[in-house]
Amino acid sequence: MISRLEKILSMLEADPRDPFLRYTLAMEYRKLQQNEKSLELLTELTIHENPKYVAAFFMAAQQLVELERLEDARSYLREGIEEARLQNNHHAAAEMSELLAEIGKE
């Protein structure tokens, strides 16, 4: 039986630049507790995509909070809020603002 990870990797072979598939792969690595691989993929989506993949900012920040890397999480949240506002994604901006408030703005 083929694993979910193998399915995602197979789909990425056909379209390696697909941001949704890369995001899905990052979430799969997170589920498998391969945090560095997950964060690496999320970072690519927040830096190299045009437009930047807003959900990746939030997921990276959540993962960083879990890893107790709060300053890194705050950085992702601040950038993500700005990007979400640029894209008129008020829902995502509000969710990230809420998490930023929960962990403090230090």
PDB file of N, CA and C in Angstrom:
ATOM      1  N   MET A   1       0.846  -1.176   0.000  1.00  0.00           N
ATOM      2  CA  MET A   1       0.000   0.000   0.000  1.00  0.00           C
ATOM      3  C   MET A   1       0.896   1.245   0.000  1.00  0.00           C
ATOM      4  N   ILE A   2       0.584   2.177  -0.867  1.00  0.00           N
ATOM      5  CA  ILE A   2       1.361   3.408  -0.988  1.00  0.00           C
ATOM      6  C   ILE A   2       0.956   4.392   0.115  1.00  0.00           C
ATOM      7  N   SER A   3       1.954   5.002   0.746  1.00  0.00           N
ATOM      8  CA  SER A   3       1.680   5.937   1.842  1.00  0.00           C
ATOM      9  C   SER A   3       1.237   7.291   1.290  1.00  0.00           C
ATOM     10  N   ARG A   4       0.643   8.070   2.161  1.00  0.00           N
ATOM     11  CA  ARG A   4       0.230   9.423   1.774  1.00  0.00           C
ATOM     12  C   ARG A   4       1.448  10.235   1.326  1.00  0.00           C
ATOM     13  N   LEU A   5       2.561  10.102   2.035  1.00  0.00           N
ATOM     14  CA  LEU A   5       3.782  10.807   1.674  1.00  0.00           C
ATOM     15  C   LEU A   5       4.227  10.420   0.266  1.00  0.00           C
ATOM     16  N   GLU A   6       4.206   9.134  -0.030  1.00  0.00           N
ATOM     17  CA  GLU A   6       4.603   8.666  -1.363  1.00  0.00           C
ATOM     18  C   GLU A   6       3.669   9.206  -2.444  1.00  0.00           C
ATOM     19  N   LYS A   7       2.371   9.281  -2.152  1.00  0.00           N
ATOM     20  CA  LYS A   7       1.412   9.835  -3.116  1.00  0.00           C
ATOM     21  C   LYS A   7       1.710  11.296  -3.416  1.00  0.00           C
ATOM     22  N   ILE A   8       1.973  12.058  -2.372  1.00  0.00           N
ATOM     23  CA  ILE A   8       2.264  13.486  -2.551  1.00  0.00           C
ATOM     24  C   ILE A   8       3.546  13.662  -3.355  1.00  0.00           C
ATOM     25  N   LEU A   9       4.582  12.906  -3.002  1.00  0.00           N
ATOM     26  CA  LEU A   9       5.850  12.999  -3.725  1.00  0.00           C
ATOM     27  C   LEU A   9       5.677  12.619  -5.191  1.00  0.00           C
ATOM     28  N   SER A  10       4.844  11.635  -5.449  1.00  0.00           N
ATOM     29  CA  SER A  10       4.575  11.222  -6.825  1.00  0.00           C
ATOM     30  C   SER A  10       3.873  12.335  -7.610  1.00  0.00           C
ATOM     31  N   MET A  11       2.903  12.978  -6.982  1.00  0.00           N
ATOM     32  CA  MET A  11       2.198  14.078  -7.649  1.00  0.00           C
ATOM     33  C   MET A  11       3.148  15.253  -7.899  1.00  0.00           C
ATOM     34  N   LEU A  12       4.070  15.471  -6.987  1.00  0.00           N
ATOM     35  CA  LEU A  12       5.036  16.562  -7.162  1.00  0.00           C
ATOM     36  C   LEU A  12       6.002  16.303  -8.310  1.00  0.00           C
ATOM     37  N   GLU A  13       6.239  15.043  -8.630  1.00  0.00           N
ATOM     38  CA  GLU A  13       7.087  14.733  -9.774  1.00  0.00           C
ATOM     39  C   GLU A  13       6.481  15.297 -11.049  1.00  0.00           C
ATOM     40  N   ALA A  14       5.167  15.241 -11.145  1.00  0.00           N
ATOM     41  CA  ALA A  14       4.477  15.756 -12.324  1.00  0.00           C
ATOM     42  C   ALA A  14       4.448  17.281 -12.345  1.00  0.00           C
ATOM     43  N   ASP A  15       4.386  17.896 -11.179  1.00  0.00           N
ATOM     44  CA  ASP A  15       4.321  19.357 -11.097  1.00  0.00           C
ATOM     45  C   ASP A  15       5.077  19.836  -9.859  1.00  0.00           C
ATOM     46  N   PRO A  16       6.414  19.883  -9.942  1.00  0.00           N
ATOM     47  CA  PRO A  16       7.233  20.186  -8.758  1.00  0.00           C
ATOM     48  C   PRO A  16       7.070  21.600  -8.201  1.00  0.00           C
ATOM     49  N   ARG A  17       6.489  22.518  -8.929  1.00  0.00           N
ATOM     50  CA  ARG A  17       6.331  23.896  -8.456  1.00  0.00           C
ATOM     51  C   ARG A  17       4.941  24.170  -7.901  1.00  0.00           C
ATOM     52  N   ASP A  18       4.065  23.181  -7.875  1.00  0.00           N
ATOM     53  CA  ASP A  18       2.704  23.383  -7.396  1.00  0.00           C
ATOM     54  C   ASP A  18       2.731  23.772  -5.918  1.00  0.00           C
ATOM     55  N   PRO A  19       2.322  25.016  -5.600  1.00  0.00           N
ATOM     56  CA  PRO A  19       2.417  25.456  -4.204  1.00  0.00           C
ATOM     57  C   PRO A  19       1.514  24.669  -3.256  1.00  0.00           C
ATOM     58  N   PHE A  20       0.333  24.274  -3.708  1.00  0.00           N
ATOM     59  CA  PHE A  20      -0.558  23.517  -2.833  1.00  0.00           C
ATOM     60  C   PHE A  20       0.036  22.151  -2.504  1.00  0.00           C
ATOM     61  N   LEU A  21       0.607  21.476  -3.489  1.00  0.00           N
ATOM     62  CA  LEU A  21       1.227  20.172  -3.230  1.00  0.00           C
ATOM     63  C   LEU A  21       2.436  20.313  -2.302  1.00  0.00           C
ATOM     64  N   ARG A  22       3.219  21.364  -2.482  1.00  0.00           N
ATOM     65  CA  ARG A  22       4.375  21.584  -1.602  1.00  0.00           C
ATOM     66  C   ARG A  22       3.912  21.893  -0.183  1.00  0.00           C
ATOM     67  N   TYR A  23       2.828  22.646  -0.059  1.00  0.00           N
ATOM     68  CA  TYR A  23       2.248  22.925   1.255  1.00  0.00           C
ATOM     69  C   TYR A  23       1.745  21.628   1.890  1.00  0.00           C
ATOM     70  N   THR A  24       1.069  20.804   1.110  1.00  0.00           N
ATOM     71  CA  THR A  24       0.557  19.521   1.593  1.00  0.00           C
ATOM     72  C   THR A  24       1.710  18.621   2.042  1.00  0.00           C
ATOM     73  N   LEU A  25       2.799  18.635   1.297  1.00  0.00           N
ATOM     74  CA  LEU A  25       3.978  17.857   1.676  1.00  0.00           C
ATOM     75  C   LEU A  25       4.544  18.358   3.008  1.00  0.00           C
ATOM     76  N   ALA A  26       4.597  19.666   3.176  1.00  0.00           N
ATOM     77  CA  ALA A  26       5.077  20.230   4.443  1.00  0.00           C
ATOM     78  C   ALA A  26       4.199  19.777   5.603  1.00  0.00           C
ATOM     79  N   MET A  27       2.887  19.754   5.389  1.00  0.00           N
ATOM     80  CA  MET A  27       1.973  19.325   6.450  1.00  0.00           C
ATOM     81  C   MET A  27       2.136  17.839   6.752  1.00  0.00           C
ATOM     82  N   GLU A  28       2.431  17.065   5.730  1.00  0.00           N
ATOM     83  CA  GLU A  28       2.657  15.630   5.939  1.00  0.00           C
ATOM     84  C   GLU A  28       3.942  15.418   6.755  1.00  0.00           C
ATOM     85  N   TYR A  29       4.989  16.157   6.424  1.00  0.00           N
ATOM     86  CA  TYR A  29       6.225  16.054   7.207  1.00  0.00           C
ATOM     87  C   TYR A  29       5.979  16.485   8.653  1.00  0.00           C
ATOM     88  N   ARG A  30       5.153  17.498   8.843  1.00  0.00           N
ATOM     89  CA  ARG A  30       4.823  17.925  10.208  1.00  0.00           C
ATOM     90  C   ARG A  30       4.139  16.788  10.963  1.00  0.00           C
ATOM     91  N   LYS A  31       3.188  16.143  10.299  1.00  0.00           N
ATOM     92  CA  LYS A  31       2.469  15.029  10.913  1.00  0.00           C
ATOM     93  C   LYS A  31       3.427  13.898  11.288  1.00  0.00           C
ATOM     94  N   LEU A  32       4.463  13.714  10.474  1.00  0.00           N
ATOM     95  CA  LEU A  32       5.460  12.669  10.720  1.00  0.00           C
ATOM     96  C   LEU A  32       6.556  13.136  11.677  1.00  0.00           C
ATOM     97  N   GLN A  33       6.379  14.335  12.234  1.00  0.00           N
ATOM     98  CA  GLN A  33       7.317  14.946  13.178  1.00  0.00           C
ATOM     99  C   GLN A  33       8.697  15.173  12.568  1.00  0.00           C
ATOM    100  N   GLN A  34       8.712  15.439  11.277  1.00  0.00           N
ATOM    101  CA  GLN A  34       9.943  15.819  10.587  1.00  0.00           C
ATOM    102  C   GLN A  34       9.896  17.346  10.413  1.00  0.00           C
ATOM    103  N   ASN A  35      10.037  18.017  11.554  1.00  0.00           N
ATOM    104  CA  ASN A  35       9.799  19.457  11.609  1.00  0.00           C
ATOM    105  C   ASN A  35      10.731  20.271  10.730  1.00  0.00           C
ATOM    106  N   GLU A  36      11.986  19.931  10.677  1.00  0.00           N
ATOM    107  CA  GLU A  36      12.913  20.737   9.869  1.00  0.00           C
ATOM    108  C   GLU A  36      12.564  20.666   8.386  1.00  0.00           C
ATOM    109  N   LYS A  37      12.198  19.477   7.891  1.00  0.00           N
ATOM    110  CA  LYS A  37      11.779  19.356   6.497  1.00  0.00           C
ATOM    111  C   LYS A  37      10.509  20.164   6.249  1.00  0.00           C
ATOM    112  N   SER A  38       9.579  20.079   7.183  1.00  0.00           N
ATOM    113  CA  SER A  38       8.337  20.820   7.070  1.00  0.00           C
ATOM    114  C   SER A  38       8.605  22.310   7.034  1.00  0.00           C
ATOM    115  N   LEU A  39       9.399  22.800   7.963  1.00  0.00           N
ATOM    116  CA  LEU A  39       9.690  24.230   8.030  1.00  0.00           C
ATOM    117  C   LEU A  39      10.466  24.716   6.814  1.00  0.00           C
ATOM    118  N   GLU A  40      11.327  23.880   6.285  1.00  0.00           N
ATOM    119  CA  GLU A  40      12.076  24.238   5.077  1.00  0.00           C
ATOM    120  C   GLU A  40      11.118  24.472   3.905  1.00  0.00           C
ATOM    121  N   LEU A  41      10.170  23.569   3.732  1.00  0.00           N
ATOM    122  CA  LEU A  41       9.189  23.721   2.652  1.00  0.00           C
ATOM    123  C   LEU A  41       8.303  24.946   2.872  1.00  0.00           C
ATOM    124  N   LEU A  42       7.877  25.158   4.102  1.00  0.00           N
ATOM    125  CA  LEU A  42       7.034  26.320   4.398  1.00  0.00           C
ATOM    126  C   LEU A  42       7.801  27.620   4.162  1.00  0.00           C
ATOM    127  N   THR A  43       9.074  27.622   4.499  1.00  0.00           N
ATOM    128  CA  THR A  43       9.897  28.804   4.261  1.00  0.00           C
ATOM    129  C   THR A  43       9.988  29.107   2.772  1.00  0.00           C
ATOM    130  N   GLU A  44      10.163  28.087   1.957  1.00  0.00           N
ATOM    131  CA  GLU A  44      10.200  28.288   0.511  1.00  0.00           C
ATOM    132  C   GLU A  44       8.900  28.934   0.021  1.00  0.00           C
ATOM    133  N   LEU A  45       7.786  28.478   0.563  1.00  0.00           N
ATOM    134  CA  LEU A  45       6.486  29.013   0.144  1.00  0.00           C
ATOM    135  C   LEU A  45       6.277  30.454   0.604  1.00  0.00           C
ATOM    136  N   THR A  46       6.941  30.854   1.674  1.00  0.00           N
ATOM    137  CA  THR A  46       6.772  32.219   2.175  1.00  0.00           C
ATOM    138  C   THR A  46       7.794  33.180   1.583  1.00  0.00           C
ATOM    139  N   ILE A  47       8.808  32.651   0.921  1.00  0.00           N
ATOM    140  CA  ILE A  47       9.849  33.514   0.347  1.00  0.00           C
ATOM    141  C   ILE A  47       9.799  33.522  -1.177  1.00  0.00           C
ATOM    142  N   HIS A  48       9.674  32.354  -1.782  1.00  0.00           N
ATOM    143  CA  HIS A  48       9.860  32.234  -3.230  1.00  0.00           C
ATOM    144  C   HIS A  48       8.585  32.272  -4.060  1.00  0.00           C
ATOM    145  N   GLU A  49       7.458  32.084  -3.438  1.00  0.00           N
ATOM    146  CA  GLU A  49       6.215  32.091  -4.213  1.00  0.00           C
ATOM    147  C   GLU A  49       5.798  33.519  -4.533  1.00  0.00           C
ATOM    148  N   ASN A  50       5.147  33.674  -5.655  1.00  0.00           N
ATOM    149  CA  ASN A  50       4.593  34.966  -6.019  1.00  0.00           C
ATOM    150  C   ASN A  50       3.202  34.734  -6.598  1.00  0.00           C
ATOM    151  N   PRO A  51       2.148  35.034  -5.857  1.00  0.00           N
ATOM    152  CA  PRO A  51       2.183  35.658  -4.533  1.00  0.00           C
ATOM    153  C   PRO A  51       2.597  34.640  -3.474  1.00  0.00           C
ATOM    154  N   LYS A  52       3.055  35.160  -2.364  1.00  0.00           N
ATOM    155  CA  LYS A  52       3.473  34.303  -1.258  1.00  0.00           C
ATOM    156  C   LYS A  52       2.271  33.495  -0.759  1.00  0.00           C
ATOM    157  N   TYR A  53       2.528  32.285  -0.307  1.00  0.00           N
ATOM    158  CA  TYR A  53       1.481  31.365   0.119  1.00  0.00           C
ATOM    159  C   TYR A  53       1.143  31.661   1.580  1.00  0.00           C
ATOM    160  N   VAL A  54       0.075  32.425   1.799  1.00  0.00           N
ATOM    161  CA  VAL A  54      -0.252  32.958   3.117  1.00  0.00           C
ATOM    162  C   VAL A  54      -0.418  31.870   4.182  1.00  0.00           C
ATOM    163  N   ALA A  55      -1.056  30.777   3.848  1.00  0.00           N
ATOM    164  CA  ALA A  55      -1.274  29.715   4.839  1.00  0.00           C
ATOM    165  C   ALA A  55       0.045  29.174   5.381  1.00  0.00           C
ATOM    166  N   ALA A  56       1.097  29.232   4.578  1.00  0.00           N
ATOM    167  CA  ALA A  56       2.397  28.718   5.015  1.00  0.00           C
ATOM    168  C   ALA A  56       2.961  29.532   6.175  1.00  0.00           C
ATOM    169  N   PHE A  57       2.705  30.840   6.199  1.00  0.00           N
ATOM    170  CA  PHE A  57       3.168  31.662   7.313  1.00  0.00           C
ATOM    171  C   PHE A  57       2.541  31.175   8.626  1.00  0.00           C
ATOM    172  N   PHE A  58       1.233  30.962   8.591  1.00  0.00           N
ATOM    173  CA  PHE A  58       0.502  30.565   9.792  1.00  0.00           C
ATOM    174  C   PHE A  58       0.933  29.178  10.266  1.00  0.00           C
ATOM    175  N   MET A  59       1.044  28.241   9.347  1.00  0.00           N
ATOM    176  CA  MET A  59       1.433  26.879   9.723  1.00  0.00           C
ATOM    177  C   MET A  59       2.865  26.833  10.244  1.00  0.00           C
ATOM    178  N   ALA A  60       3.763  27.605   9.633  1.00  0.00           N
ATOM    179  CA  ALA A  60       5.138  27.652  10.124  1.00  0.00           C
ATOM    180  C   ALA A  60       5.157  28.226  11.538  1.00  0.00           C
ATOM    181  N   ALA A  61       4.404  29.291  11.761  1.00  0.00           N
ATOM    182  CA  ALA A  61       4.361  29.909  13.088  1.00  0.00           C
ATOM    183  C   ALA A  61       3.808  28.945  14.128  1.00  0.00           C
ATOM    184  N   GLN A  62       2.738  28.240  13.794  1.00  0.00           N
ATOM    185  CA  GLN A  62       2.169  27.274  14.744  1.00  0.00           C
ATOM    186  C   GLN A  62       3.195  26.205  15.101  1.00  0.00           C
ATOM    187  N   GLN A  63       3.883  25.725  14.106  1.00  0.00           N
ATOM    188  CA  GLN A  63       4.887  24.687  14.334  1.00  0.00           C
ATOM    189  C   GLN A  63       6.035  25.222  15.192  1.00  0.00           C
ATOM    190  N   LEU A  64       6.447  26.443  14.933  1.00  0.00           N
ATOM    191  CA  LEU A  64       7.518  27.055  15.712  1.00  0.00           C
ATOM    192  C   LEU A  64       7.098  27.273  17.167  1.00  0.00           C
ATOM    193  N   VAL A  65       5.848  27.617  17.391  1.00  0.00           N
ATOM    194  CA  VAL A  65       5.341  27.745  18.762  1.00  0.00           C
ATOM    195  C   VAL A  65       5.445  26.400  19.460  1.00  0.00           C
ATOM    196  N   GLU A  66       5.031  25.335  18.785  1.00  0.00           N
ATOM    197  CA  GLU A  66       5.113  23.992  19.367  1.00  0.00           C
ATOM    198  C   GLU A  66       6.556  23.627  19.719  1.00  0.00           C
ATOM    199  N   LEU A  67       7.506  24.121  18.915  1.00  0.00           N
ATOM    200  CA  LEU A  67       8.925  23.840  19.142  1.00  0.00           C
ATOM    201  C   LEU A  67       9.556  24.846  20.105  1.00  0.00           C
ATOM    202  N   GLU A  68       8.720  25.743  20.642  1.00  0.00           N
ATOM    203  CA  GLU A  68       9.141  26.776  21.588  1.00  0.00           C
ATOM    204  C   GLU A  68      10.163  27.737  20.993  1.00  0.00           C
ATOM    205  N   ARG A  69      10.046  27.983  19.702  1.00  0.00           N
ATOM    206  CA  ARG A  69      10.884  28.964  19.000  1.00  0.00           C
ATOM    207  C   ARG A  69      10.018  30.199  18.759  1.00  0.00           C
ATOM    208  N   LEU A  70       9.699  30.882  19.849  1.00  0.00           N
ATOM    209  CA  LEU A  70       8.704  31.944  19.818  1.00  0.00           C
ATOM    210  C   LEU A  70       9.127  33.155  19.001  1.00  0.00           C
ATOM    211  N   GLU A  71      10.370  33.553  19.060  1.00  0.00           N
ATOM    212  CA  GLU A  71      10.782  34.731  18.280  1.00  0.00           C
ATOM    213  C   GLU A  71      10.664  34.450  16.781  1.00  0.00           C
ATOM    214  N   ASP A  72      11.047  33.246  16.375  1.00  0.00           N
ATOM    215  CA  ASP A  72      10.883  32.868  14.962  1.00  0.00           C
ATOM    216  C   ASP A  72       9.399  32.867  14.585  1.00  0.00           C
ATOM    217  N   ALA A  73       8.565  32.353  15.485  1.00  0.00           N
ATOM    218  CA  ALA A  73       7.122  32.328  15.236  1.00  0.00           C
ATOM    219  C   ALA A  73       6.589  33.745  15.081  1.00  0.00           C
ATOM    220  N   ARG A  74       7.010  34.639  15.949  1.00  0.00           N
ATOM    221  CA  ARG A  74       6.559  36.037  15.863  1.00  0.00           C
ATOM    222  C   ARG A  74       6.950  36.654  14.524  1.00  0.00           C
ATOM    223  N   SER A  75       8.145  36.354  14.069  1.00  0.00           N
ATOM    224  CA  SER A  75       8.617  36.885  12.793  1.00  0.00           C
ATOM    225  C   SER A  75       7.736  36.411  11.636  1.00  0.00           C
ATOM    226  N   TYR A  76       7.446  35.115  11.615  1.00  0.00           N
ATOM    227  CA  TYR A  76       6.570  34.575  10.574  1.00  0.00           C
ATOM    228  C   TYR A  76       5.186  35.222  10.635  1.00  0.00           C
ATOM    229  N   LEU A  77       4.688  35.401  11.848  1.00  0.00           N
ATOM    230  CA  LEU A  77       3.352  35.984  12.002  1.00  0.00           C
ATOM    231  C   LEU A  77       3.319  37.429  11.510  1.00  0.00           C
ATOM    232  N   ARG A  78       4.307  38.206  11.865  1.00  0.00           N
ATOM    233  CA  ARG A  78       4.334  39.605  11.414  1.00  0.00           C
ATOM    234  C   ARG A  78       4.384  39.684   9.887  1.00  0.00           C
ATOM    235  N   GLU A  79       5.263  38.885   9.284  1.00  0.00           N
ATOM    236  CA  GLU A  79       5.358  38.870   7.821  1.00  0.00           C
ATOM    237  C   GLU A  79       4.075  38.347   7.193  1.00  0.00           C
ATOM    238  N   GLY A  80       3.517  37.319   7.798  1.00  0.00           N
ATOM    239  CA  GLY A  80       2.292  36.719   7.267  1.00  0.00           C
ATOM    240  C   GLY A  80       1.106  37.660   7.333  1.00  0.00           C
ATOM    241  N   ILE A  81       1.003  38.400   8.418  1.00  0.00           N
ATOM    242  CA  ILE A  81      -0.083  39.371   8.557  1.00  0.00           C
ATOM    243  C   ILE A  81       0.033  40.430   7.465  1.00  0.00           C
ATOM    244  N   GLU A  82       1.237  40.922   7.258  1.00  0.00           N
ATOM    245  CA  GLU A  82       1.455  41.923   6.213  1.00  0.00           C
ATOM    246  C   GLU A  82       1.089  41.374   4.833  1.00  0.00           C
ATOM    247  N   GLU A  83       1.550  40.163   4.548  1.00  0.00           N
ATOM    248  CA  GLU A  83       1.263  39.556   3.243  1.00  0.00           C
ATOM    249  C   GLU A  83      -0.232  39.292   3.077  1.00  0.00           C
ATOM    250  N   ALA A  84      -0.875  38.811   4.117  1.00  0.00           N
ATOM    251  CA  ALA A  84      -2.320  38.552   4.045  1.00  0.00           C
ATOM    252  C   ALA A  84      -3.081  39.844   3.754  1.00  0.00           C
ATOM    253  N   ARG A  85      -2.674  40.912   4.391  1.00  0.00           N
ATOM    254  CA  ARG A  85      -3.334  42.202   4.144  1.00  0.00           C
ATOM    255  C   ARG A  85      -3.105  42.667   2.715  1.00  0.00           C
ATOM    256  N   LEU A  86      -1.898  42.464   2.195  1.00  0.00           N
ATOM    257  CA  LEU A  86      -1.614  42.827   0.801  1.00  0.00           C
ATOM    258  C   LEU A  86      -2.506  42.056  -0.169  1.00  0.00           C
ATOM    259  N   GLN A  87      -2.828  40.816   0.216  1.00  0.00           N
ATOM    260  CA  GLN A  87      -3.671  39.963  -0.627  1.00  0.00           C
ATOM    261  C   GLN A  87      -5.154  40.086  -0.271  1.00  0.00           C
ATOM    262  N   ASN A  88      -5.488  41.025   0.607  1.00  0.00           N
ATOM    263  CA  ASN A  88      -6.874  41.213   1.064  1.00  0.00           C
ATOM    264  C   ASN A  88      -7.463  39.961   1.691  1.00  0.00           C
ATOM    265  N   ASN A  89      -6.614  39.196   2.341  1.00  0.00           N
ATOM    266  CA  ASN A  89      -7.051  37.985   3.030  1.00  0.00           C
ATOM    267  C   ASN A  89      -7.215  38.331   4.509  1.00  0.00           C
ATOM    268  N   HIS A  90      -8.334  38.965   4.813  1.00  0.00           N
ATOM    269  CA  HIS A  90      -8.566  39.465   6.170  1.00  0.00           C
ATOM    270  C   HIS A  90      -8.731  38.345   7.189  1.00  0.00           C
ATOM    271  N   HIS A  91      -9.288  37.233   6.763  1.00  0.00           N
ATOM    272  CA  HIS A  91      -9.465  36.097   7.670  1.00  0.00           C
ATOM    273  C   HIS A  91      -8.104  35.578   8.146  1.00  0.00           C
ATOM    274  N   ALA A  92      -7.192  35.363   7.212  1.00  0.00           N
ATOM    275  CA  ALA A  92      -5.857  34.868   7.576  1.00  0.00           C
ATOM    276  C   ALA A  92      -5.112  35.882   8.434  1.00  0.00           C
ATOM    277  N   ALA A  93      -5.225  37.168   8.095  1.00  0.00           N
ATOM    278  CA  ALA A  93      -4.571  38.208   8.888  1.00  0.00           C
ATOM    279  C   ALA A  93      -5.097  38.198  10.319  1.00  0.00           C
ATOM    280  N   ALA A  94      -6.403  38.011  10.470  1.00  0.00           N
ATOM    281  CA  ALA A  94      -7.010  37.988  11.811  1.00  0.00           C
ATOM    282  C   ALA A  94      -6.542  36.769  12.603  1.00  0.00           C
ATOM    283  N   GLU A  95      -6.492  35.606  11.961  1.00  0.00           N
ATOM    284  CA  GLU A  95      -6.036  34.398  12.657  1.00  0.00           C
ATOM    285  C   GLU A  95      -4.594  34.544  13.127  1.00  0.00           C
ATOM    286  N   MET A  96      -3.744  35.094  12.251  1.00  0.00           N
ATOM    287  CA  MET A  96      -2.346  35.263  12.629  1.00  0.00           C
ATOM    288  C   MET A  96      -2.195  36.327  13.711  1.00  0.00           C
ATOM    289  N   SER A  97      -2.987  37.382  13.636  1.00  0.00           N
ATOM    290  CA  SER A  97      -2.957  38.422  14.668  1.00  0.00           C
ATOM    291  C   SER A  97      -3.356  37.846  16.027  1.00  0.00           C
ATOM    292  N   GLU A  98      -4.335  36.958  16.008  1.00  0.00           N
ATOM    293  CA  GLU A  98      -4.790  36.321  17.245  1.00  0.00           C
ATOM    294  C   GLU A  98      -3.674  35.469  17.852  1.00  0.00           C
ATOM    295  N   LEU A  99      -2.992  34.681  17.021  1.00  0.00           N
ATOM    296  CA  LEU A  99      -1.896  33.850  17.539  1.00  0.00           C
ATOM    297  C   LEU A  99      -0.768  34.732  18.039  1.00  0.00           C
ATOM    298  N   LEU A 100      -0.465  35.812  17.328  1.00  0.00           N
ATOM    299  CA  LEU A 100       0.583  36.727  17.765  1.00  0.00           C
ATOM    300  C   LEU A 100       0.239  37.307  19.140  1.00  0.00           C
ATOM    301  N   ALA A 101      -1.007  37.667  19.333  1.00  0.00           N
ATOM    302  CA  ALA A 101      -1.437  38.197  20.635  1.00  0.00           C
ATOM    303  C   ALA A 101      -1.311  37.132  21.737  1.00  0.00           C
ATOM    304  N   GLU A 102      -1.603  35.889  21.396  1.00  0.00           N
ATOM    305  CA  GLU A 102      -1.526  34.799  22.379  1.00  0.00           C
ATOM    306  C   GLU A 102      -0.091  34.561  22.850  1.00  0.00           C
ATOM    307  N   ILE A 103       0.862  34.648  21.931  1.00  0.00           N
ATOM    308  CA  ILE A 103       2.250  34.365  22.320  1.00  0.00           C
ATOM    309  C   ILE A 103       3.000  35.622  22.727  1.00  0.00           C
ATOM    310  N   GLY A 104       2.380  36.776  22.570  1.00  0.00           N
ATOM    311  CA  GLY A 104       3.009  38.032  22.953  1.00  0.00           C
ATOM    312  C   GLY A 104       3.820  38.622  21.828  1.00  0.00           C
ATOM    313  N   LYS A 105       3.937  39.917  21.832  1.00  0.00           N
ATOM    314  CA  LYS A 105       4.601  40.631  20.741  1.00  0.00           C
ATOM    315  C   LYS A 105       6.041  41.012  21.067  1.00  0.00           C
ATOM    316  N   GLU A 106       6.627  40.401  22.056  1.00  0.00           N
ATOM    317  CA  GLU A 106       7.981  40.752  22.517  1.00  0.00           C
ATOM    318  C   GLU A 106       8.972  40.888  21.396  1.00  0.00           C
TER     319      GLU A 106
END
